[in-house]
Amino acid sequence: NPHTWTNGLGLAANLQLMGAIPNCTHCEYPY
């Protein structure tokens, strides 16, 4: 489950990986 606490472009990049892999369960949503 990738760390994403950078900014919108970093979150978008990590989201692309989350969408590609089978062993991701959650998205960190900095808020």
All heavy atoms as atom14 arrays in JSON, in Angstrom:
{
  "sequence": "NPHTWTNGLGLAANLQLMGAIPNCTHCEYPY",
  "atom14_mask": [
    [1, 1, 1, 1, 1, 1, 1, 1, 0, 0, 0, 0, 0, 0],
    [1, 1, 1, 1, 1, 1, 1, 0, 0, 0, 0, 0, 0, 0],
    [1, 1, 1, 1, 1, 1, 1, 1, 1, 1, 0, 0, 0, 0],
    [1, 1, 1, 1, 1, 1, 1, 0, 0, 0, 0, 0, 0, 0],
    [1, 1, 1, 1, 1, 1, 1, 1, 1, 1, 1, 1, 1, 1],
    [1, 1, 1, 1, 1, 1, 1, 0, 0, 0, 0, 0, 0, 0],
    [1, 1, 1, 1, 1, 1, 1, 1, 0, 0, 0, 0, 0, 0],
    [1, 1, 1, 1, 0, 0, 0, 0, 0, 0, 0, 0, 0, 0],
    [1, 1, 1, 1, 1, 1, 1, 1, 0, 0, 0, 0, 0, 0],
    [1, 1, 1, 1, 0, 0, 0, 0, 0, 0, 0, 0, 0, 0],
    [1, 1, 1, 1, 1, 1, 1, 1, 0, 0, 0, 0, 0, 0],
    [1, 1, 1, 1, 1, 0, 0, 0, 0, 0, 0, 0, 0, 0],
    [1, 1, 1, 1, 1, 0, 0, 0, 0, 0, 0, 0, 0, 0],
    [1, 1, 1, 1, 1, 1, 1, 1, 0, 0, 0, 0, 0, 0],
    [1, 1, 1, 1, 1, 1, 1, 1, 0, 0, 0, 0, 0, 0],
    [1, 1, 1, 1, 1, 1, 1, 1, 1, 0, 0, 0, 0, 0],
    [1, 1, 1, 1, 1, 1, 1, 1, 0, 0, 0, 0, 0, 0],
    [1, 1, 1, 1, 1, 1, 1, 1, 0, 0, 0, 0, 0, 0],
    [1, 1, 1, 1, 0, 0, 0, 0, 0, 0, 0, 0, 0, 0],
    [1, 1, 1, 1, 1, 0, 0, 0, 0, 0, 0, 0, 0, 0],
    [1, 1, 1, 1, 1, 1, 1, 1, 0, 0, 0, 0, 0, 0],
    [1, 1, 1, 1, 1, 1, 1, 0, 0, 0, 0, 0, 0, 0],
    [1, 1, 1, 1, 1, 1, 1, 1, 0, 0, 0, 0, 0, 0],
    [1, 1, 1, 1, 1, 1, 0, 0, 0, 0, 0, 0, 0, 0],
    [1, 1, 1, 1, 1, 1, 1, 0, 0, 0, 0, 0, 0, 0],
    [1, 1, 1, 1, 1, 1, 1, 1, 1, 1, 0, 0, 0, 0],
    [1, 1, 1, 1, 1, 1, 0, 0, 0, 0, 0, 0, 0, 0],
    [1, 1, 1, 1, 1, 1, 1, 1, 1, 0, 0, 0, 0, 0],
    [1, 1, 1, 1, 1, 1, 1, 1, 1, 1, 1, 1, 0, 0],
    [1, 1, 1, 1, 1, 1, 1, 0, 0, 0, 0, 0, 0, 0],
    [1, 1, 1, 1, 1, 1, 1, 1, 1, 1, 1, 1, 0, 0]
  ],
  "atom14_positions": [
    [[0.85, -1.18, 0.0], [0.0, 0.0, 0.0], [0.89, 1.24, 0.0], [1.41, 1.63, 1.06], [-0.92, 0.02, 1.23], [-1.97, -1.06, 1.2], [-2.33, -1.56, 0.13], [-2.46, -1.45, 2.36], [0.0, 0.0, 0.0], [0.0, 0.0, 0.0], [0.0, 0.0, 0.0], [0.0, 0.0, 0.0], [0.0, 0.0, 0.0], [0.0, 0.0, 0.0]],
    [[1.11, 1.87, -1.15], [2.1, 2.94, -1.22], [1.82, 4.13, -0.3], [0.68, 4.5, -0.07], [2.01, 3.39, -2.69], [1.48, 2.22, -3.42], [0.52, 1.56, -2.46], [0.0, 0.0, 0.0], [0.0, 0.0, 0.0], [0.0, 0.0, 0.0], [0.0, 0.0, 0.0], [0.0, 0.0, 0.0], [0.0, 0.0, 0.0], [0.0, 0.0, 0.0]],
    [[2.89, 4.69, 0.21], [2.86, 6.02, 0.83], [2.57, 7.03, -0.26], [3.03, 6.91, -1.39], [4.23, 6.3, 1.46], [4.47, 7.69, 1.91], [4.98, 8.67, 1.07], [4.28, 8.3, 3.1], [5.11, 9.8, 1.74], [4.68, 9.61, 2.97], [0.0, 0.0, 0.0], [0.0, 0.0, 0.0], [0.0, 0.0, 0.0], [0.0, 0.0, 0.0]],
    [[1.79, 8.08, 0.05], [1.46, 9.07, -0.99], [1.56, 10.51, -0.5], [1.14, 11.42, -1.2], [0.03, 8.87, -1.51], [-0.9, 9.27, -0.49], [-0.24, 7.43, -1.9], [0.0, 0.0, 0.0], [0.0, 0.0, 0.0], [0.0, 0.0, 0.0], [0.0, 0.0, 0.0], [0.0, 0.0, 0.0], [0.0, 0.0, 0.0], [0.0, 0.0, 0.0]],
    [[2.08, 10.72, 0.72], [2.01, 12.08, 1.28], [3.08, 12.97, 0.64], [4.12, 13.25, 1.23], [2.15, 12.07, 2.81], [1.62, 13.34, 3.4], [2.1, 14.59, 3.15], [0.5, 13.51, 4.27], [1.35, 15.53, 3.82], [0.37, 14.89, 4.52], [-0.38, 12.63, 4.87], [-0.61, 15.42, 5.35], [-1.36, 13.15, 5.71], [-1.48, 14.52, 5.94]],
    [[2.81, 13.43, -0.58], [3.67, 14.39, -1.26], [2.81, 15.52, -1.79], [2.69, 16.56, -1.17], [4.48, 13.71, -2.38], [3.59, 13.04, -3.29], [5.48, 12.71, -1.81], [0.0, 0.0, 0.0], [0.0, 0.0, 0.0], [0.0, 0.0, 0.0], [0.0, 0.0, 0.0], [0.0, 0.0, 0.0], [0.0, 0.0, 0.0], [0.0, 0.0, 0.0]],
    [[2.17, 15.29, -2.93], [1.27, 16.29, -3.53], [0.42, 15.57, -4.59], [0.5, 14.35, -4.72], [2.07, 17.44, -4.14], [3.13, 16.96, -5.12], [2.82, 16.31, -6.11], [4.39, 17.25, -4.84], [0.0, 0.0, 0.0], [0.0, 0.0, 0.0], [0.0, 0.0, 0.0], [0.0, 0.0, 0.0], [0.0, 0.0, 0.0], [0.0, 0.0, 0.0]],
    [[-0.39, 16.34, -5.32], [-1.31, 15.74, -6.26], [-0.65, 14.91, -7.35], [-1.16, 13.85, -7.72], [0.0, 0.0, 0.0], [0.0, 0.0, 0.0], [0.0, 0.0, 0.0], [0.0, 0.0, 0.0], [0.0, 0.0, 0.0], [0.0, 0.0, 0.0], [0.0, 0.0, 0.0], [0.0, 0.0, 0.0], [0.0, 0.0, 0.0], [0.0, 0.0, 0.0]],
    [[0.49, 15.37, -7.86], [1.18, 14.59, -8.88], [1.76, 13.31, -8.3], [1.73, 12.24, -8.93], [2.29, 15.42, -9.53], [1.86, 16.36, -10.66], [3.01, 17.27, -11.06], [1.38, 15.55, -11.87], [0.0, 0.0, 0.0], [0.0, 0.0, 0.0], [0.0, 0.0, 0.0], [0.0, 0.0, 0.0], [0.0, 0.0, 0.0], [0.0, 0.0, 0.0]],
    [[2.29, 13.39, -7.07], [2.79, 12.19, -6.42], [1.68, 11.2, -6.12], [1.84, 9.99, -6.29], [0.0, 0.0, 0.0], [0.0, 0.0, 0.0], [0.0, 0.0, 0.0], [0.0, 0.0, 0.0], [0.0, 0.0, 0.0], [0.0, 0.0, 0.0], [0.0, 0.0, 0.0], [0.0, 0.0, 0.0], [0.0, 0.0, 0.0], [0.0, 0.0, 0.0]],
    [[0.53, 11.7, -5.67], [-0.62, 10.84, -5.42], [-1.07, 10.16, -6.71], [-1.35, 8.96, -6.74], [-1.76, 11.66, -4.82], [-3.1, 10.95, -4.6], [-2.94, 9.71, -3.73], [-4.12, 11.91, -4.0], [0.0, 0.0, 0.0], [0.0, 0.0, 0.0], [0.0, 0.0, 0.0], [0.0, 0.0, 0.0], [0.0, 0.0, 0.0], [0.0, 0.0, 0.0]],
    [[-1.13, 10.92, -7.81], [-1.54, 10.36, -9.09], [-0.59, 9.26, -9.55], [-1.03, 8.21, -10.05], [-1.61, 11.46, -10.15], [0.0, 0.0, 0.0], [0.0, 0.0, 0.0], [0.0, 0.0, 0.0], [0.0, 0.0, 0.0], [0.0, 0.0, 0.0], [0.0, 0.0, 0.0], [0.0, 0.0, 0.0], [0.0, 0.0, 0.0], [0.0, 0.0, 0.0]],
    [[0.71, 9.47, -9.37], [1.69, 8.46, -9.79], [1.53, 7.18, -8.98], [1.55, 6.07, -9.52], [3.1, 9.02, -9.63], [0.0, 0.0, 0.0], [0.0, 0.0, 0.0], [0.0, 0.0, 0.0], [0.0, 0.0, 0.0], [0.0, 0.0, 0.0], [0.0, 0.0, 0.0], [0.0, 0.0, 0.0], [0.0, 0.0, 0.0], [0.0, 0.0, 0.0]],
    [[1.37, 7.32, -7.66], [1.19, 6.14, -6.82], [-0.14, 5.44, -7.1], [-0.24, 4.21, -7.03], [1.31, 6.51, -5.35], [2.76, 6.64, -4.91], [3.47, 5.65, -4.79], [3.2, 7.87, -4.67], [0.0, 0.0, 0.0], [0.0, 0.0, 0.0], [0.0, 0.0, 0.0], [0.0, 0.0, 0.0], [0.0, 0.0, 0.0], [0.0, 0.0, 0.0]],
    [[-1.17, 6.21, -7.44], [-2.45, 5.61, -7.81], [-2.3, 4.73, -9.05], [-2.91, 3.66, -9.15], [-3.5, 6.69, -8.05], [-4.25, 7.19, -6.83], [-5.03, 8.46, -7.16], [-5.2, 6.11, -6.3], [0.0, 0.0, 0.0], [0.0, 0.0, 0.0], [0.0, 0.0, 0.0], [0.0, 0.0, 0.0], [0.0, 0.0, 0.0], [0.0, 0.0, 0.0]],
    [[-1.49, 5.16, -10.01], [-1.29, 4.34, -11.2], [-0.68, 3.0, -10.84], [-1.06, 1.96, -11.39], [-0.42, 5.09, -12.21], [-1.08, 6.3, -12.86], [-2.31, 5.96, -13.68], [-2.4, 4.9, -14.29], [-3.28, 6.86, -13.69], [0.0, 0.0, 0.0], [0.0, 0.0, 0.0], [0.0, 0.0, 0.0], [0.0, 0.0, 0.0], [0.0, 0.0, 0.0]],
    [[0.26, 2.99, -9.89], [0.82, 1.72, -9.45], [-0.23, 0.89, -8.71], [-0.34, -0.33, -8.92], [2.03, 1.95, -8.55], [2.71, 0.66, -8.07], [3.26, -0.14, -9.24], [3.79, 0.96, -7.06], [0.0, 0.0, 0.0], [0.0, 0.0, 0.0], [0.0, 0.0, 0.0], [0.0, 0.0, 0.0], [0.0, 0.0, 0.0], [0.0, 0.0, 0.0]],
    [[-1.02, 1.53, -7.84], [-2.07, 0.8, -7.12], [-3.02, 0.11, -8.08], [-3.5, -1.0, -7.82], [-2.86, 1.77, -6.23], [-2.09, 2.35, -5.07], [-3.14, 3.49, -4.14], [-1.96, 4.76, -3.7], [0.0, 0.0, 0.0], [0.0, 0.0, 0.0], [0.0, 0.0, 0.0], [0.0, 0.0, 0.0], [0.0, 0.0, 0.0], [0.0, 0.0, 0.0]],
    [[-3.31, 0.76, -9.19], [-4.21, 0.17, -10.17], [-3.6, -0.99, -10.92], [-4.32, -1.79, -11.52], [0.0, 0.0, 0.0], [0.0, 0.0, 0.0], [0.0, 0.0, 0.0], [0.0, 0.0, 0.0], [0.0, 0.0, 0.0], [0.0, 0.0, 0.0], [0.0, 0.0, 0.0], [0.0, 0.0, 0.0], [0.0, 0.0, 0.0], [0.0, 0.0, 0.0]],
    [[-2.27, -1.11, -10.89], [-1.58, -2.13, -11.69], [-1.3, -3.41, -10.94], [-1.1, -4.47, -11.55], [-0.25, -1.56, -12.2], [0.0, 0.0, 0.0], [0.0, 0.0, 0.0], [0.0, 0.0, 0.0], [0.0, 0.0, 0.0], [0.0, 0.0, 0.0], [0.0, 0.0, 0.0], [0.0, 0.0, 0.0], [0.0, 0.0, 0.0], [0.0, 0.0, 0.0]],
    [[-1.28, -3.37, -9.59], [-0.77, -4.51, -8.83], [-1.9, -5.26, -8.1], [-2.91, -4.66, -7.74], [0.31, -4.07, -7.83], [-0.27, -3.1, -6.78], [1.48, -3.43, -8.58], [0.73, -2.65, -5.73], [0.0, 0.0, 0.0], [0.0, 0.0, 0.0], [0.0, 0.0, 0.0], [0.0, 0.0, 0.0], [0.0, 0.0, 0.0], [0.0, 0.0, 0.0]],
    [[-1.73, -6.56, -7.87], [-2.8, -7.34, -7.24], [-2.82, -7.26, -5.72], [-3.84, -7.6, -5.1], [-2.49, -8.78, -7.7], [-1.01, -8.78, -7.85], [-0.65, -7.42, -8.37], [0.0, 0.0, 0.0], [0.0, 0.0, 0.0], [0.0, 0.0, 0.0], [0.0, 0.0, 0.0], [0.0, 0.0, 0.0], [0.0, 0.0, 0.0], [0.0, 0.0, 0.0]],
    [[-1.72, -6.84, -5.08], [-1.6, -6.94, -3.63], [-1.69, -5.58, -2.94], [-1.05, -5.35, -1.91], [-0.31, -7.67, -3.23], [0.94, -7.13, -3.9], [0.87, -6.62, -5.02], [2.07, -7.25, -3.25], [0.0, 0.0, 0.0], [0.0, 0.0, 0.0], [0.0, 0.0, 0.0], [0.0, 0.0, 0.0], [0.0, 0.0, 0.0], [0.0, 0.0, 0.0]],
    [[-2.5, -4.68, -3.48], [-2.78, -3.4, -2.86], [-4.2, -3.43, -2.29], [-5.13, -3.85, -2.99], [-2.65, -2.26, -3.87], [-3.14, -0.64, -3.25], [0.0, 0.0, 0.0], [0.0, 0.0, 0.0], [0.0, 0.0, 0.0], [0.0, 0.0, 0.0], [0.0, 0.0, 0.0], [0.0, 0.0, 0.0], [0.0, 0.0, 0.0], [0.0, 0.0, 0.0]],
    [[-4.37, -3.0, -1.04], [-5.69, -3.02, -0.42], [-6.24, -1.63, -0.12], [-7.46, -1.46, -0.02], [-5.67, -3.81, 0.9], [-4.79, -3.16, 1.85], [-5.19, -5.24, 0.67], [0.0, 0.0, 0.0], [0.0, 0.0, 0.0], [0.0, 0.0, 0.0], [0.0, 0.0, 0.0], [0.0, 0.0, 0.0], [0.0, 0.0, 0.0], [0.0, 0.0, 0.0]],
    [[-5.36, -0.62, 0.06], [-5.79, 0.7, 0.47], [-4.96, 1.79, -0.21], [-3.78, 1.59, -0.49], [-5.65, 0.9, 1.98], [-6.58, 0.07, 2.81], [-6.35, -1.28, 3.05], [-7.72, 0.39, 3.47], [-7.32, -1.74, 3.82], [-8.17, -0.76, 4.1], [0.0, 0.0, 0.0], [0.0, 0.0, 0.0], [0.0, 0.0, 0.0], [0.0, 0.0, 0.0]],
    [[-5.6, 2.93, -0.39], [-4.93, 4.14, -0.89], [-4.82, 5.15, 0.25], [-5.84, 5.55, 0.83], [-5.73, 4.75, -2.03], [-5.18, 6.43, -2.5], [0.0, 0.0, 0.0], [0.0, 0.0, 0.0], [0.0, 0.0, 0.0], [0.0, 0.0, 0.0], [0.0, 0.0, 0.0], [0.0, 0.0, 0.0], [0.0, 0.0, 0.0], [0.0, 0.0, 0.0]],
    [[-3.6, 5.57, 0.53], [-3.43, 6.67, 1.49], [-3.93, 7.96, 0.84], [-3.46, 8.35, -0.23], [-1.96, 6.83, 1.88], [-1.76, 7.97, 2.87], [-0.34, 8.1, 3.37], [0.6, 7.81, 2.6], [-0.16, 8.51, 4.53], [0.0, 0.0, 0.0], [0.0, 0.0, 0.0], [0.0, 0.0, 0.0], [0.0, 0.0, 0.0], [0.0, 0.0, 0.0]],
    [[-4.87, 8.62, 1.52], [-5.47, 9.85, 1.0], [-5.15, 10.96, 2.01], [-5.86, 11.14, 3.0], [-6.97, 9.68, 0.83], [-7.66, 10.83, 0.12], [-7.77, 10.84, -1.27], [-8.2, 11.89, 0.83], [-8.41, 11.88, -1.93], [-8.84, 12.94, 0.18], [-8.94, 12.92, -1.2], [-9.58, 13.96, -1.85], [0.0, 0.0, 0.0], [0.0, 0.0, 0.0]],
    [[-4.05, 11.71, 1.81], [-3.65, 12.73, 2.77], [-4.73, 13.81, 2.9], [-5.08, 14.49, 1.93], [-2.37, 13.31, 2.16], [-1.84, 12.21, 1.29], [-3.06, 11.57, 0.72], [0.0, 0.0, 0.0], [0.0, 0.0, 0.0], [0.0, 0.0, 0.0], [0.0, 0.0, 0.0], [0.0, 0.0, 0.0], [0.0, 0.0, 0.0], [0.0, 0.0, 0.0]],
    [[-5.23, 13.98, 4.14], [-6.37, 14.87, 4.33], [-6.49, 15.2, 5.81], [-6.8, 14.32, 6.61], [-7.64, 14.18, 3.83], [-8.91, 15.0, 3.89], [-8.94, 16.34, 3.5], [-10.1, 14.41, 4.3], [-10.12, 17.07, 3.54], [-11.29, 15.14, 4.34], [-11.29, 16.47, 3.96], [-12.46, 17.19, 4.0], [0.0, 0.0, 0.0], [0.0, 0.0, 0.0]]
  ]
}
